[in-house]
Amino acid sequence: MAEDDAIILSELPDDELVQQMHDDLYDGLREEIEEGVHILLERGWTPYEVLTRALVAGMKVVGDDFRDGILFVPEVLLAANAMKAGMAILKPLLAETGAPRMGKMVIGTVKGDIHDIGKNLVAMMMEGAGFEVVDLGINNAVEKYLEAIEREGADILGMSALLTTTMPYMKVVIDALKARGVRENYIVLVGGAPLNEEFGRAIGADGYCRDAAVAVETAKAMIARKHNRLAAAG
Protein backbone atom coordinates (compact mmCIF):
# COMPACT_ATOMS: atom_id res chain seq x y z
CA MET A 1 0.00 0.00 0.00
CA ALA A 2 1.36 3.42 -0.92
CA GLU A 3 2.10 5.72 1.99
CA ASP A 4 -0.59 8.23 1.00
CA ASP A 5 -3.17 5.41 0.84
CA ALA A 6 -2.56 4.50 4.49
CA ILE A 7 -5.74 4.04 6.52
CA ILE A 8 -6.14 6.60 9.29
CA LEU A 9 -8.15 4.78 11.93
CA SER A 10 -9.40 7.91 13.67
CA GLU A 11 -11.05 9.09 10.43
CA LEU A 12 -13.15 5.93 10.00
CA PRO A 13 -16.80 5.86 11.13
CA ASP A 14 -17.53 3.35 13.91
CA ASP A 15 -18.72 0.46 11.73
CA GLU A 16 -15.78 0.73 9.35
CA LEU A 17 -13.34 1.07 12.24
CA VAL A 18 -14.69 -2.13 13.84
CA GLN A 19 -14.37 -3.96 10.51
CA GLN A 20 -10.82 -2.64 10.12
CA MET A 21 -10.01 -3.86 13.64
CA HIS A 22 -11.26 -7.33 12.69
CA ASP A 23 -8.86 -7.24 9.72
CA ASP A 24 -6.01 -5.93 11.89
CA LEU A 25 -6.59 -8.68 14.47
CA TYR A 26 -6.55 -11.26 11.70
CA ASP A 27 -3.19 -9.85 10.56
CA GLY A 28 -1.84 -9.69 14.13
CA LEU A 29 -1.30 -5.92 14.12
CA ARG A 30 -0.83 -5.14 17.79
CA GLU A 31 -0.35 -1.35 17.69
CA GLU A 32 -3.33 -0.83 15.37
CA ILE A 33 -5.55 -2.81 17.77
CA GLU A 34 -4.41 -0.68 20.72
CA GLU A 35 -5.11 2.47 18.75
CA GLY A 36 -8.54 1.22 17.67
CA VAL A 37 -9.51 0.36 21.25
CA HIS A 38 -8.50 3.85 22.45
CA ILE A 39 -10.47 5.52 19.63
CA LEU A 40 -13.68 3.58 20.37
CA LEU A 41 -13.39 4.32 24.10
CA GLU A 42 -12.89 8.01 23.33
CA ARG A 43 -16.03 7.90 21.19
CA GLY A 44 -18.02 6.76 24.20
CA TRP A 45 -18.15 3.01 23.60
CA THR A 46 -18.37 0.97 26.80
CA PRO A 47 -15.41 -1.35 27.47
CA TYR A 48 -17.77 -4.33 27.11
CA GLU A 49 -18.96 -3.16 23.66
CA VAL A 50 -15.36 -2.75 22.50
CA LEU A 51 -14.51 -6.21 23.84
CA THR A 52 -17.45 -8.02 22.25
CA ARG A 53 -17.93 -6.17 18.96
CA ALA A 54 -14.35 -5.29 18.03
CA LEU A 55 -12.18 -7.97 19.69
CA VAL A 56 -14.24 -11.09 20.40
CA ALA A 57 -16.09 -10.89 17.05
CA GLY A 58 -12.73 -10.47 15.29
CA MET A 59 -11.16 -13.42 17.10
CA LYS A 60 -14.15 -15.59 16.18
CA VAL A 61 -13.15 -15.23 12.52
CA VAL A 62 -9.57 -16.19 13.45
CA GLY A 63 -10.84 -19.20 15.43
CA ASP A 64 -13.12 -20.36 12.60
CA ASP A 65 -10.33 -20.12 10.03
CA PHE A 66 -7.94 -21.95 12.37
CA ARG A 67 -10.50 -24.74 12.81
CA ASP A 68 -10.97 -24.95 9.03
CA GLY A 69 -7.23 -25.12 8.31
CA ILE A 70 -7.01 -21.68 6.65
CA LEU A 71 -4.86 -20.22 9.43
CA PHE A 72 -2.08 -22.00 11.31
CA VAL A 73 -0.60 -21.78 14.82
CA PRO A 74 1.96 -18.97 14.16
CA GLU A 75 -0.73 -16.72 12.63
CA VAL A 76 -3.18 -17.46 15.40
CA LEU A 77 -0.54 -16.65 18.02
CA LEU A 78 0.06 -13.28 16.33
CA ALA A 79 -3.68 -12.55 16.31
CA ALA A 80 -4.00 -13.62 19.93
CA ASN A 81 -1.08 -11.37 20.85
CA ALA A 82 -2.78 -8.40 19.22
CA MET A 83 -5.96 -9.32 21.08
CA LYS A 84 -4.03 -9.38 24.37
CA ALA A 85 -2.75 -5.86 23.72
CA GLY A 86 -6.34 -4.65 23.35
CA MET A 87 -7.41 -6.64 26.42
CA ALA A 88 -4.65 -5.06 28.53
CA ILE A 89 -6.36 -1.68 28.00
CA LEU A 90 -9.86 -3.02 28.61
CA LYS A 91 -9.29 -5.32 31.60
CA PRO A 92 -9.10 -2.67 34.34
CA LEU A 93 -12.06 -0.82 32.80
CA LEU A 94 -14.14 -4.02 32.59
CA ALA A 95 -13.39 -4.74 36.25
CA GLU A 96 -14.56 -1.22 37.20
CA THR A 97 -17.82 -1.49 35.26
CA GLY A 98 -18.57 -5.02 36.44
CA ALA A 99 -19.15 -6.15 32.86
CA PRO A 100 -20.49 -9.68 32.42
CA ARG A 101 -17.95 -12.39 31.65
CA MET A 102 -18.47 -15.57 29.67
CA GLY A 103 -16.97 -17.53 32.55
CA LYS A 104 -13.67 -18.22 34.26
CA MET A 105 -11.16 -20.93 33.34
CA VAL A 106 -8.15 -22.28 35.20
CA ILE A 107 -5.77 -24.03 32.80
CA GLY A 108 -2.42 -25.75 33.10
CA THR A 109 -0.23 -28.58 31.82
CA VAL A 110 -0.26 -31.64 34.09
CA LYS A 111 2.47 -32.83 36.47
CA GLY A 112 5.55 -34.22 34.74
CA ASP A 113 4.81 -32.40 31.47
CA ILE A 114 6.50 -29.16 30.41
CA HIS A 115 4.88 -28.65 27.00
CA ASP A 116 2.84 -25.50 26.75
CA ILE A 117 2.37 -24.25 23.17
CA GLY A 118 -1.06 -25.85 22.74
CA LYS A 119 -2.09 -24.84 26.24
CA ASN A 120 -0.98 -21.23 25.65
CA LEU A 121 -2.97 -21.12 22.43
CA VAL A 122 -6.11 -22.37 24.19
CA ALA A 123 -5.65 -19.77 26.95
CA MET A 124 -5.27 -16.96 24.39
CA MET A 125 -8.23 -18.09 22.31
CA MET A 126 -10.41 -18.43 25.41
CA GLU A 127 -9.51 -14.87 26.40
CA GLY A 128 -10.29 -13.87 22.84
CA ALA A 129 -13.76 -15.36 23.26
CA GLY A 130 -14.41 -13.28 26.39
CA PHE A 131 -13.48 -15.78 29.11
CA GLU A 132 -11.32 -14.84 32.06
CA VAL A 133 -8.33 -17.19 32.10
CA VAL A 134 -5.94 -18.07 34.92
CA ASP A 135 -2.93 -19.89 33.45
CA LEU A 136 -1.04 -22.09 35.94
CA GLY A 137 1.75 -22.86 33.47
CA ILE A 138 3.41 -26.29 33.31
CA ASN A 139 4.01 -29.29 35.58
CA ASN A 140 0.97 -28.87 37.85
CA ALA A 141 0.30 -31.23 40.73
CA VAL A 142 -3.26 -32.09 41.72
CA GLU A 143 -3.13 -29.77 44.79
CA LYS A 144 -2.26 -26.80 42.61
CA TYR A 145 -5.28 -27.36 40.35
CA LEU A 146 -7.66 -27.84 43.29
CA GLU A 147 -6.35 -24.80 45.13
CA ALA A 148 -6.60 -22.60 42.01
CA ILE A 149 -10.14 -23.53 40.96
CA GLU A 150 -11.39 -22.94 44.50
CA ARG A 151 -9.46 -19.70 44.97
CA GLU A 152 -10.50 -18.31 41.59
CA GLY A 153 -14.12 -19.47 41.69
CA ALA A 154 -13.56 -21.08 38.29
CA ASP A 155 -16.28 -22.52 36.06
CA ILE A 156 -13.88 -24.54 33.92
CA LEU A 157 -10.75 -26.57 34.60
CA GLY A 158 -8.56 -27.15 31.54
CA MET A 159 -5.76 -29.74 31.56
CA SER A 160 -3.17 -30.34 28.86
CA ALA A 161 -0.64 -33.14 28.24
CA LEU A 162 1.67 -33.91 25.35
CA LEU A 163 3.31 -37.07 26.71
CA THR A 164 1.54 -40.43 26.86
CA THR A 165 3.23 -40.94 30.23
CA THR A 166 1.58 -37.84 31.76
CA MET A 167 -1.92 -38.36 30.30
CA PRO A 168 -3.10 -40.61 33.18
CA TYR A 169 -2.44 -37.78 35.65
CA MET A 170 -5.57 -36.08 34.35
CA LYS A 171 -7.61 -38.89 35.91
CA VAL A 172 -5.79 -38.35 39.22
CA VAL A 173 -7.05 -34.74 39.24
CA ILE A 174 -10.62 -35.71 38.28
CA ASP A 175 -10.68 -38.45 40.93
CA ALA A 176 -9.49 -35.92 43.52
CA LEU A 177 -12.39 -33.62 42.57
CA LYS A 178 -14.79 -36.55 43.06
CA ALA A 179 -13.21 -37.45 46.40
CA ARG A 180 -13.80 -33.91 47.62
CA GLY A 181 -17.40 -34.02 46.41
CA VAL A 182 -16.91 -31.00 44.10
CA ARG A 183 -16.67 -32.70 40.68
CA GLU A 184 -20.12 -31.40 39.65
CA ASN A 185 -19.08 -27.79 40.31
CA TYR A 186 -16.65 -27.66 37.40
CA ILE A 187 -16.58 -28.26 33.66
CA VAL A 188 -13.42 -30.29 33.01
CA LEU A 189 -11.88 -30.02 29.53
CA VAL A 190 -8.79 -31.94 28.44
CA GLY A 191 -6.54 -31.71 25.39
CA GLY A 192 -3.16 -32.53 23.91
CA ALA A 193 -1.75 -34.39 20.93
CA PRO A 194 -1.87 -37.99 22.26
CA LEU A 195 -5.43 -37.68 23.67
CA ASN A 196 -8.68 -38.60 21.95
CA GLU A 197 -12.42 -38.55 22.58
CA GLU A 198 -12.40 -42.05 24.04
CA PHE A 199 -9.67 -41.20 26.56
CA GLY A 200 -11.55 -38.08 27.65
CA ARG A 201 -14.66 -40.15 28.32
CA ALA A 202 -12.72 -42.91 30.08
CA ILE A 203 -11.18 -40.55 32.65
CA GLY A 204 -14.48 -38.75 33.28
CA ALA A 205 -13.75 -35.38 31.61
CA ASP A 206 -16.69 -33.32 30.30
CA GLY A 207 -15.00 -32.78 26.96
CA TYR A 208 -11.93 -33.56 24.87
CA CYS A 209 -10.76 -30.64 22.71
CA ARG A 210 -8.54 -31.48 19.77
CA ASP A 211 -7.46 -27.85 19.31
CA ALA A 212 -7.95 -24.32 20.62
CA ALA A 213 -10.90 -23.51 18.33
CA VAL A 214 -12.77 -26.63 19.51
CA ALA A 215 -11.93 -25.74 23.13
CA VAL A 216 -13.64 -22.35 22.73
CA GLU A 217 -16.74 -23.85 21.07
CA THR A 218 -17.00 -26.61 23.68
CA ALA A 219 -16.54 -24.19 26.59
CA LYS A 220 -19.19 -21.79 25.24
CA ALA A 221 -21.72 -24.60 24.73
CA MET A 222 -21.10 -26.10 28.17
CA ILE A 223 -21.21 -22.75 29.98
CA ALA A 224 -24.52 -21.95 28.25
CA ARG A 225 -25.94 -25.33 29.37
CA LYS A 226 -24.70 -24.71 32.93
CA HIS A 227 -26.35 -21.27 33.04
CA ASN A 228 -29.60 -22.72 31.66
CA ARG A 229 -29.59 -25.49 34.29
CA LEU A 230 -29.01 -22.99 37.09
CA ALA A 231 -31.74 -20.71 35.74
CA ALA A 232 -34.16 -23.64 35.56
CA ALA A 233 -33.26 -24.72 39.08
CA GLY A 234 -33.66 -21.16 40.36
C-alpha atoms as a PDB file:
ATOM      1  CA  MET A   1       0.000   0.000   0.000  1.00  0.00           C
ATOM      2  CA  ALA A   2       1.358   3.422  -0.920  1.00  0.00           C
ATOM      3  CA  GLU A   3       2.102   5.724   1.992  1.00  0.00           C
ATOM      4  CA  ASP A   4      -0.588   8.230   1.004  1.00  0.00           C
ATOM      5  CA  ASP A   5      -3.167   5.415   0.840  1.00  0.00           C
ATOM      6  CA  ALA A   6      -2.564   4.495   4.494  1.00  0.00           C
ATOM      7  CA  ILE A   7      -5.737   4.038   6.515  1.00  0.00           C
ATOM      8  CA  ILE A   8      -6.140   6.603   9.291  1.00  0.00           C
ATOM      9  CA  LEU A   9      -8.147   4.777  11.933  1.00  0.00           C
ATOM     10  CA  SER A  10      -9.403   7.913  13.668  1.00  0.00           C
ATOM     11  CA  GLU A  11     -11.054   9.090  10.429  1.00  0.00           C
ATOM     12  CA  LEU A  12     -13.146   5.931   9.997  1.00  0.00           C
ATOM     13  CA  PRO A  13     -16.797   5.857  11.133  1.00  0.00           C
ATOM     14  CA  ASP A  14     -17.533   3.346  13.910  1.00  0.00           C
ATOM     15  CA  ASP A  15     -18.721   0.457  11.730  1.00  0.00           C
ATOM     16  CA  GLU A  16     -15.776   0.734   9.348  1.00  0.00           C
ATOM     17  CA  LEU A  17     -13.341   1.072  12.243  1.00  0.00           C
ATOM     18  CA  VAL A  18     -14.685  -2.131  13.837  1.00  0.00           C
ATOM     19  CA  GLN A  19     -14.368  -3.962  10.507  1.00  0.00           C
ATOM     20  CA  GLN A  20     -10.816  -2.645  10.124  1.00  0.00           C
ATOM     21  CA  MET A  21     -10.009  -3.859  13.637  1.00  0.00           C
ATOM     22  CA  HIS A  22     -11.258  -7.332  12.693  1.00  0.00           C
ATOM     23  CA  ASP A  23      -8.864  -7.244   9.724  1.00  0.00           C
ATOM     24  CA  ASP A  24      -6.005  -5.935  11.892  1.00  0.00           C
ATOM     25  CA  LEU A  25      -6.593  -8.683  14.467  1.00  0.00           C
ATOM     26  CA  TYR A  26      -6.547 -11.262  11.695  1.00  0.00           C
ATOM     27  CA  ASP A  27      -3.190  -9.852  10.564  1.00  0.00           C
ATOM     28  CA  GLY A  28      -1.843  -9.694  14.131  1.00  0.00           C
ATOM     29  CA  LEU A  29      -1.297  -5.919  14.115  1.00  0.00           C
ATOM     30  CA  ARG A  30      -0.826  -5.138  17.791  1.00  0.00           C
ATOM     31  CA  GLU A  31      -0.353  -1.351  17.685  1.00  0.00           C
ATOM     32  CA  GLU A  32      -3.334  -0.833  15.373  1.00  0.00           C
ATOM     33  CA  ILE A  33      -5.551  -2.809  17.768  1.00  0.00           C
ATOM     34  CA  GLU A  34      -4.407  -0.683  20.721  1.00  0.00           C
ATOM     35  CA  GLU A  35      -5.111   2.473  18.746  1.00  0.00           C
ATOM     36  CA  GLY A  36      -8.545   1.217  17.669  1.00  0.00           C
ATOM     37  CA  VAL A  37      -9.507   0.359  21.252  1.00  0.00           C
ATOM     38  CA  HIS A  38      -8.503   3.848  22.449  1.00  0.00           C
ATOM     39  CA  ILE A  39     -10.472   5.520  19.628  1.00  0.00           C
ATOM     40  CA  LEU A  40     -13.684   3.581  20.366  1.00  0.00           C
ATOM     41  CA  LEU A  41     -13.393   4.319  24.099  1.00  0.00           C
ATOM     42  CA  GLU A  42     -12.888   8.014  23.329  1.00  0.00           C
ATOM     43  CA  ARG A  43     -16.027   7.900  21.193  1.00  0.00           C
ATOM     44  CA  GLY A  44     -18.019   6.765  24.202  1.00  0.00           C
ATOM     45  CA  TRP A  45     -18.153   3.013  23.605  1.00  0.00           C
ATOM     46  CA  THR A  46     -18.374   0.970  26.800  1.00  0.00           C
ATOM     47  CA  PRO A  47     -15.410  -1.353  27.468  1.00  0.00           C
ATOM     48  CA  TYR A  48     -17.769  -4.333  27.113  1.00  0.00           C
ATOM     49  CA  GLU A  49     -18.961  -3.160  23.664  1.00  0.00           C
ATOM     50  CA  VAL A  50     -15.364  -2.751  22.498  1.00  0.00           C
ATOM     51  CA  LEU A  51     -14.506  -6.210  23.835  1.00  0.00           C
ATOM     52  CA  THR A  52     -17.451  -8.023  22.255  1.00  0.00           C
ATOM     53  CA  ARG A  53     -17.930  -6.171  18.964  1.00  0.00           C
ATOM     54  CA  ALA A  54     -14.346  -5.294  18.034  1.00  0.00           C
ATOM     55  CA  LEU A  55     -12.181  -7.968  19.686  1.00  0.00           C
ATOM     56  CA  VAL A  56     -14.244 -11.093  20.398  1.00  0.00           C
ATOM     57  CA  ALA A  57     -16.088 -10.887  17.054  1.00  0.00           C
ATOM     58  CA  GLY A  58     -12.729 -10.467  15.287  1.00  0.00           C
ATOM     59  CA  MET A  59     -11.164 -13.415  17.102  1.00  0.00           C
ATOM     60  CA  LYS A  60     -14.147 -15.594  16.182  1.00  0.00           C
ATOM     61  CA  VAL A  61     -13.150 -15.233  12.520  1.00  0.00           C
ATOM     62  CA  VAL A  62      -9.573 -16.192  13.454  1.00  0.00           C
ATOM     63  CA  GLY A  63     -10.844 -19.204  15.425  1.00  0.00           C
ATOM     64  CA  ASP A  64     -13.118 -20.362  12.604  1.00  0.00           C
ATOM     65  CA  ASP A  65     -10.333 -20.120  10.031  1.00  0.00           C
ATOM     66  CA  PHE A  66      -7.944 -21.946  12.368  1.00  0.00           C
ATOM     67  CA  ARG A  67     -10.496 -24.735  12.807  1.00  0.00           C
ATOM     68  CA  ASP A  68     -10.969 -24.948   9.027  1.00  0.00           C
ATOM     69  CA  GLY A  69      -7.228 -25.121   8.312  1.00  0.00           C
ATOM     70  CA  ILE A  70      -7.010 -21.679   6.653  1.00  0.00           C
ATOM     71  CA  LEU A  71      -4.861 -20.218   9.430  1.00  0.00           C
ATOM     72  CA  PHE A  72      -2.076 -22.002  11.313  1.00  0.00           C
ATOM     73  CA  VAL A  73      -0.604 -21.779  14.824  1.00  0.00           C
ATOM     74  CA  PRO A  74       1.961 -18.967  14.163  1.00  0.00           C
ATOM     75  CA  GLU A  75      -0.727 -16.725  12.625  1.00  0.00           C
ATOM     76  CA  VAL A  76      -3.181 -17.458  15.405  1.00  0.00           C
ATOM     77  CA  LEU A  77      -0.536 -16.648  18.021  1.00  0.00           C
ATOM     78  CA  LEU A  78       0.057 -13.285  16.327  1.00  0.00           C
ATOM     79  CA  ALA A  79      -3.677 -12.546  16.306  1.00  0.00           C
ATOM     80  CA  ALA A  80      -4.000 -13.622  19.933  1.00  0.00           C
ATOM     81  CA  ASN A  81      -1.083 -11.366  20.853  1.00  0.00           C
ATOM     82  CA  ALA A  82      -2.782  -8.397  19.221  1.00  0.00           C
ATOM     83  CA  MET A  83      -5.964  -9.318  21.082  1.00  0.00           C
ATOM     84  CA  LYS A  84      -4.026  -9.375  24.373  1.00  0.00           C
ATOM     85  CA  ALA A  85      -2.746  -5.864  23.716  1.00  0.00           C
ATOM     86  CA  GLY A  86      -6.336  -4.649  23.354  1.00  0.00           C
ATOM     87  CA  MET A  87      -7.410  -6.642  26.419  1.00  0.00           C
ATOM     88  CA  ALA A  88      -4.652  -5.057  28.528  1.00  0.00           C
ATOM     89  CA  ILE A  89      -6.358  -1.677  27.995  1.00  0.00           C
ATOM     90  CA  LEU A  90      -9.864  -3.017  28.606  1.00  0.00           C
ATOM     91  CA  LYS A  91      -9.292  -5.324  31.601  1.00  0.00           C
ATOM     92  CA  PRO A  92      -9.101  -2.671  34.343  1.00  0.00           C
ATOM     93  CA  LEU A  93     -12.063  -0.821  32.799  1.00  0.00           C
ATOM     94  CA  LEU A  94     -14.138  -4.016  32.589  1.00  0.00           C
ATOM     95  CA  ALA A  95     -13.388  -4.738  36.247  1.00  0.00           C
ATOM     96  CA  GLU A  96     -14.565  -1.222  37.200  1.00  0.00           C
ATOM     97  CA  THR A  97     -17.820  -1.494  35.256  1.00  0.00           C
ATOM     98  CA  GLY A  98     -18.570  -5.025  36.441  1.00  0.00           C
ATOM     99  CA  ALA A  99     -19.154  -6.151  32.861  1.00  0.00           C
ATOM    100  CA  PRO A 100     -20.487  -9.679  32.416  1.00  0.00           C
ATOM    101  CA  ARG A 101     -17.946 -12.394  31.650  1.00  0.00           C
ATOM    102  CA  MET A 102     -18.471 -15.567  29.675  1.00  0.00           C
ATOM    103  CA  GLY A 103     -16.969 -17.527  32.553  1.00  0.00           C
ATOM    104  CA  LYS A 104     -13.671 -18.225  34.255  1.00  0.00           C
ATOM    105  CA  MET A 105     -11.159 -20.927  33.340  1.00  0.00           C
ATOM    106  CA  VAL A 106      -8.150 -22.281  35.200  1.00  0.00           C
ATOM    107  CA  ILE A 107      -5.769 -24.025  32.796  1.00  0.00           C
ATOM    108  CA  GLY A 108      -2.424 -25.755  33.100  1.00  0.00           C
ATOM    109  CA  THR A 109      -0.231 -28.580  31.817  1.00  0.00           C
ATOM    110  CA  VAL A 110      -0.256 -31.638  34.092  1.00  0.00           C
ATOM    111  CA  LYS A 111       2.465 -32.827  36.471  1.00  0.00           C
ATOM    112  CA  GLY A 112       5.549 -34.224  34.740  1.00  0.00           C
ATOM    113  CA  ASP A 113       4.811 -32.397  31.467  1.00  0.00           C
ATOM    114  CA  ILE A 114       6.503 -29.164  30.413  1.00  0.00           C
ATOM    115  CA  HIS A 115       4.881 -28.654  26.996  1.00  0.00           C
ATOM    116  CA  ASP A 116       2.838 -25.503  26.750  1.00  0.00           C
ATOM    117  CA  ILE A 117       2.371 -24.249  23.167  1.00  0.00           C
ATOM    118  CA  GLY A 118      -1.059 -25.850  22.739  1.00  0.00           C
ATOM    119  CA  LYS A 119      -2.094 -24.837  26.241  1.00  0.00           C
ATOM    120  CA  ASN A 120      -0.982 -21.231  25.645  1.00  0.00           C
ATOM    121  CA  LEU A 121      -2.972 -21.121  22.433  1.00  0.00           C
ATOM    122  CA  VAL A 122      -6.108 -22.375  24.192  1.00  0.00           C
ATOM    123  CA  ALA A 123      -5.646 -19.767  26.952  1.00  0.00           C
ATOM    124  CA  MET A 124      -5.269 -16.961  24.389  1.00  0.00           C
ATOM    125  CA  MET A 125      -8.230 -18.095  22.307  1.00  0.00           C
ATOM    126  CA  MET A 126     -10.408 -18.433  25.411  1.00  0.00           C
ATOM    127  CA  GLU A 127      -9.509 -14.867  26.403  1.00  0.00           C
ATOM    128  CA  GLY A 128     -10.291 -13.874  22.844  1.00  0.00           C
ATOM    129  CA  ALA A 129     -13.761 -15.363  23.263  1.00  0.00           C
ATOM    130  CA  GLY A 130     -14.414 -13.279  26.388  1.00  0.00           C
ATOM    131  CA  PHE A 131     -13.475 -15.776  29.110  1.00  0.00           C
ATOM    132  CA  GLU A 132     -11.317 -14.843  32.061  1.00  0.00           C
ATOM    133  CA  VAL A 133      -8.326 -17.192  32.098  1.00  0.00           C
ATOM    134  CA  VAL A 134      -5.938 -18.070  34.918  1.00  0.00           C
ATOM    135  CA  ASP A 135      -2.927 -19.894  33.447  1.00  0.00           C
ATOM    136  CA  LEU A 136      -1.043 -22.091  35.941  1.00  0.00           C
ATOM    137  CA  GLY A 137       1.747 -22.859  33.472  1.00  0.00           C
ATOM    138  CA  ILE A 138       3.414 -26.290  33.306  1.00  0.00           C
ATOM    139  CA  ASN A 139       4.013 -29.289  35.580  1.00  0.00           C
ATOM    140  CA  ASN A 140       0.969 -28.871  37.849  1.00  0.00           C
ATOM    141  CA  ALA A 141       0.301 -31.233  40.728  1.00  0.00           C
ATOM    142  CA  VAL A 142      -3.260 -32.087  41.724  1.00  0.00           C
ATOM    143  CA  GLU A 143      -3.128 -29.773  44.787  1.00  0.00           C
ATOM    144  CA  LYS A 144      -2.259 -26.800  42.606  1.00  0.00           C
ATOM    145  CA  TYR A 145      -5.281 -27.356  40.354  1.00  0.00           C
ATOM    146  CA  LEU A 146      -7.661 -27.837  43.293  1.00  0.00           C
ATOM    147  CA  GLU A 147      -6.351 -24.801  45.133  1.00  0.00           C
ATOM    148  CA  ALA A 148      -6.597 -22.601  42.009  1.00  0.00           C
ATOM    149  CA  ILE A 149     -10.138 -23.533  40.961  1.00  0.00           C
ATOM    150  CA  GLU A 150     -11.387 -22.943  44.495  1.00  0.00           C
ATOM    151  CA  ARG A 151      -9.458 -19.699  44.971  1.00  0.00           C
ATOM    152  CA  GLU A 152     -10.500 -18.306  41.589  1.00  0.00           C
ATOM    153  CA  GLY A 153     -14.116 -19.473  41.692  1.00  0.00           C
ATOM    154  CA  ALA A 154     -13.561 -21.077  38.289  1.00  0.00           C
ATOM    155  CA  ASP A 155     -16.278 -22.515  36.062  1.00  0.00           C
ATOM    156  CA  ILE A 156     -13.884 -24.544  33.918  1.00  0.00           C
ATOM    157  CA  LEU A 157     -10.755 -26.573  34.598  1.00  0.00           C
ATOM    158  CA  GLY A 158      -8.559 -27.150  31.543  1.00  0.00           C
ATOM    159  CA  MET A 159      -5.760 -29.740  31.557  1.00  0.00           C
ATOM    160  CA  SER A 160      -3.173 -30.342  28.857  1.00  0.00           C
ATOM    161  CA  ALA A 161      -0.643 -33.136  28.237  1.00  0.00           C
ATOM    162  CA  LEU A 162       1.672 -33.913  25.350  1.00  0.00           C
ATOM    163  CA  LEU A 163       3.310 -37.068  26.711  1.00  0.00           C
ATOM    164  CA  THR A 164       1.539 -40.426  26.863  1.00  0.00           C
ATOM    165  CA  THR A 165       3.226 -40.944  30.233  1.00  0.00           C
ATOM    166  CA  THR A 166       1.584 -37.844  31.758  1.00  0.00           C
ATOM    167  CA  MET A 167      -1.920 -38.355  30.297  1.00  0.00           C
ATOM    168  CA  PRO A 168      -3.102 -40.608  33.182  1.00  0.00           C
ATOM    169  CA  TYR A 169      -2.438 -37.781  35.648  1.00  0.00           C
ATOM    170  CA  MET A 170      -5.573 -36.083  34.351  1.00  0.00           C
ATOM    171  CA  LYS A 171      -7.612 -38.888  35.912  1.00  0.00           C
ATOM    172  CA  VAL A 172      -5.792 -38.355  39.219  1.00  0.00           C
ATOM    173  CA  VAL A 173      -7.050 -34.740  39.243  1.00  0.00           C
ATOM    174  CA  ILE A 174     -10.623 -35.705  38.283  1.00  0.00           C
ATOM    175  CA  ASP A 175     -10.678 -38.446  40.926  1.00  0.00           C
ATOM    176  CA  ALA A 176      -9.492 -35.917  43.516  1.00  0.00           C
ATOM    177  CA  LEU A 177     -12.395 -33.615  42.571  1.00  0.00           C
ATOM    178  CA  LYS A 178     -14.790 -36.546  43.059  1.00  0.00           C
ATOM    179  CA  ALA A 179     -13.205 -37.451  46.397  1.00  0.00           C
ATOM    180  CA  ARG A 180     -13.799 -33.906  47.617  1.00  0.00           C
ATOM    181  CA  GLY A 181     -17.396 -34.015  46.412  1.00  0.00           C
ATOM    182  CA  VAL A 182     -16.907 -31.004  44.099  1.00  0.00           C
ATOM    183  CA  ARG A 183     -16.673 -32.700  40.685  1.00  0.00           C
ATOM    184  CA  GLU A 184     -20.124 -31.400  39.655  1.00  0.00           C
ATOM    185  CA  ASN A 185     -19.080 -27.788  40.307  1.00  0.00           C
ATOM    186  CA  TYR A 186     -16.651 -27.656  37.398  1.00  0.00           C
ATOM    187  CA  ILE A 187     -16.578 -28.260  33.663  1.00  0.00           C
ATOM    188  CA  VAL A 188     -13.419 -30.291  33.006  1.00  0.00           C
ATOM    189  CA  LEU A 189     -11.880 -30.016  29.534  1.00  0.00           C
ATOM    190  CA  VAL A 190      -8.788 -31.945  28.436  1.00  0.00           C
ATOM    191  CA  GLY A 191      -6.541 -31.709  25.389  1.00  0.00           C
ATOM    192  CA  GLY A 192      -3.158 -32.529  23.911  1.00  0.00           C
ATOM    193  CA  ALA A 193      -1.747 -34.394  20.933  1.00  0.00           C
ATOM    194  CA  PRO A 194      -1.875 -37.992  22.264  1.00  0.00           C
ATOM    195  CA  LEU A 195      -5.428 -37.685  23.665  1.00  0.00           C
ATOM    196  CA  ASN A 196      -8.676 -38.600  21.948  1.00  0.00           C
ATOM    197  CA  GLU A 197     -12.418 -38.549  22.578  1.00  0.00           C
ATOM    198  CA  GLU A 198     -12.397 -42.045  24.037  1.00  0.00           C
ATOM    199  CA  PHE A 199      -9.666 -41.202  26.559  1.00  0.00           C
ATOM    200  CA  GLY A 200     -11.552 -38.085  27.649  1.00  0.00           C
ATOM    201  CA  ARG A 201     -14.664 -40.146  28.317  1.00  0.00           C
ATOM    202  CA  ALA A 202     -12.715 -42.915  30.079  1.00  0.00           C
ATOM    203  CA  ILE A 203     -11.183 -40.545  32.651  1.00  0.00           C
ATOM    204  CA  GLY A 204     -14.475 -38.746  33.281  1.00  0.00           C
ATOM    205  CA  ALA A 205     -13.754 -35.380  31.606  1.00  0.00           C
ATOM    206  CA  ASP A 206     -16.686 -33.322  30.299  1.00  0.00           C
ATOM    207  CA  GLY A 207     -15.000 -32.781  26.964  1.00  0.00           C
ATOM    208  CA  TYR A 208     -11.928 -33.556  24.871  1.00  0.00           C
ATOM    209  CA  CYS A 209     -10.756 -30.640  22.712  1.00  0.00           C
ATOM    210  CA  ARG A 210      -8.538 -31.481  19.765  1.00  0.00           C
ATOM    211  CA  ASP A 211      -7.460 -27.846  19.305  1.00  0.00           C
ATOM    212  CA  ALA A 212      -7.954 -24.321  20.620  1.00  0.00           C
ATOM    213  CA  ALA A 213     -10.900 -23.514  18.331  1.00  0.00           C
ATOM    214  CA  VAL A 214     -12.767 -26.626  19.506  1.00  0.00           C
ATOM    215  CA  ALA A 215     -11.928 -25.735  23.127  1.00  0.00           C
ATOM    216  CA  VAL A 216     -13.642 -22.354  22.733  1.00  0.00           C
ATOM    217  CA  GLU A 217     -16.737 -23.846  21.068  1.00  0.00           C
ATOM    218  CA  THR A 218     -16.996 -26.609  23.683  1.00  0.00           C
ATOM    219  CA  ALA A 219     -16.543 -24.192  26.587  1.00  0.00           C
ATOM    220  CA  LYS A 220     -19.189 -21.792  25.236  1.00  0.00           C
ATOM    221  CA  ALA A 221     -21.718 -24.595  24.728  1.00  0.00           C
ATOM    222  CA  MET A 222     -21.099 -26.103  28.173  1.00  0.00           C
ATOM    223  CA  ILE A 223     -21.213 -22.752  29.981  1.00  0.00           C
ATOM    224  CA  ALA A 224     -24.524 -21.953  28.251  1.00  0.00           C
ATOM    225  CA  ARG A 225     -25.936 -25.327  29.369  1.00  0.00           C
ATOM    226  CA  LYS A 226     -24.704 -24.714  32.931  1.00  0.00           C
ATOM    227  CA  HIS A 227     -26.354 -21.266  33.044  1.00  0.00           C
ATOM    228  CA  ASN A 228     -29.596 -22.718  31.661  1.00  0.00           C
ATOM    229  CA  ARG A 229     -29.585 -25.492  34.288  1.00  0.00           C
ATOM    230  CA  LEU A 230     -29.012 -22.992  37.092  1.00  0.00           C
ATOM    231  CA  ALA A 231     -31.737 -20.705  35.744  1.00  0.00           C
ATOM    232  CA  ALA A 232     -34.160 -23.636  35.559  1.00  0.00           C
ATOM    233  CA  ALA A 233     -33.257 -24.724  39.081  1.00  0.00           C
ATOM    234  CA  GLY A 234     -33.657 -21.160  40.359  1.00  0.00           C
END
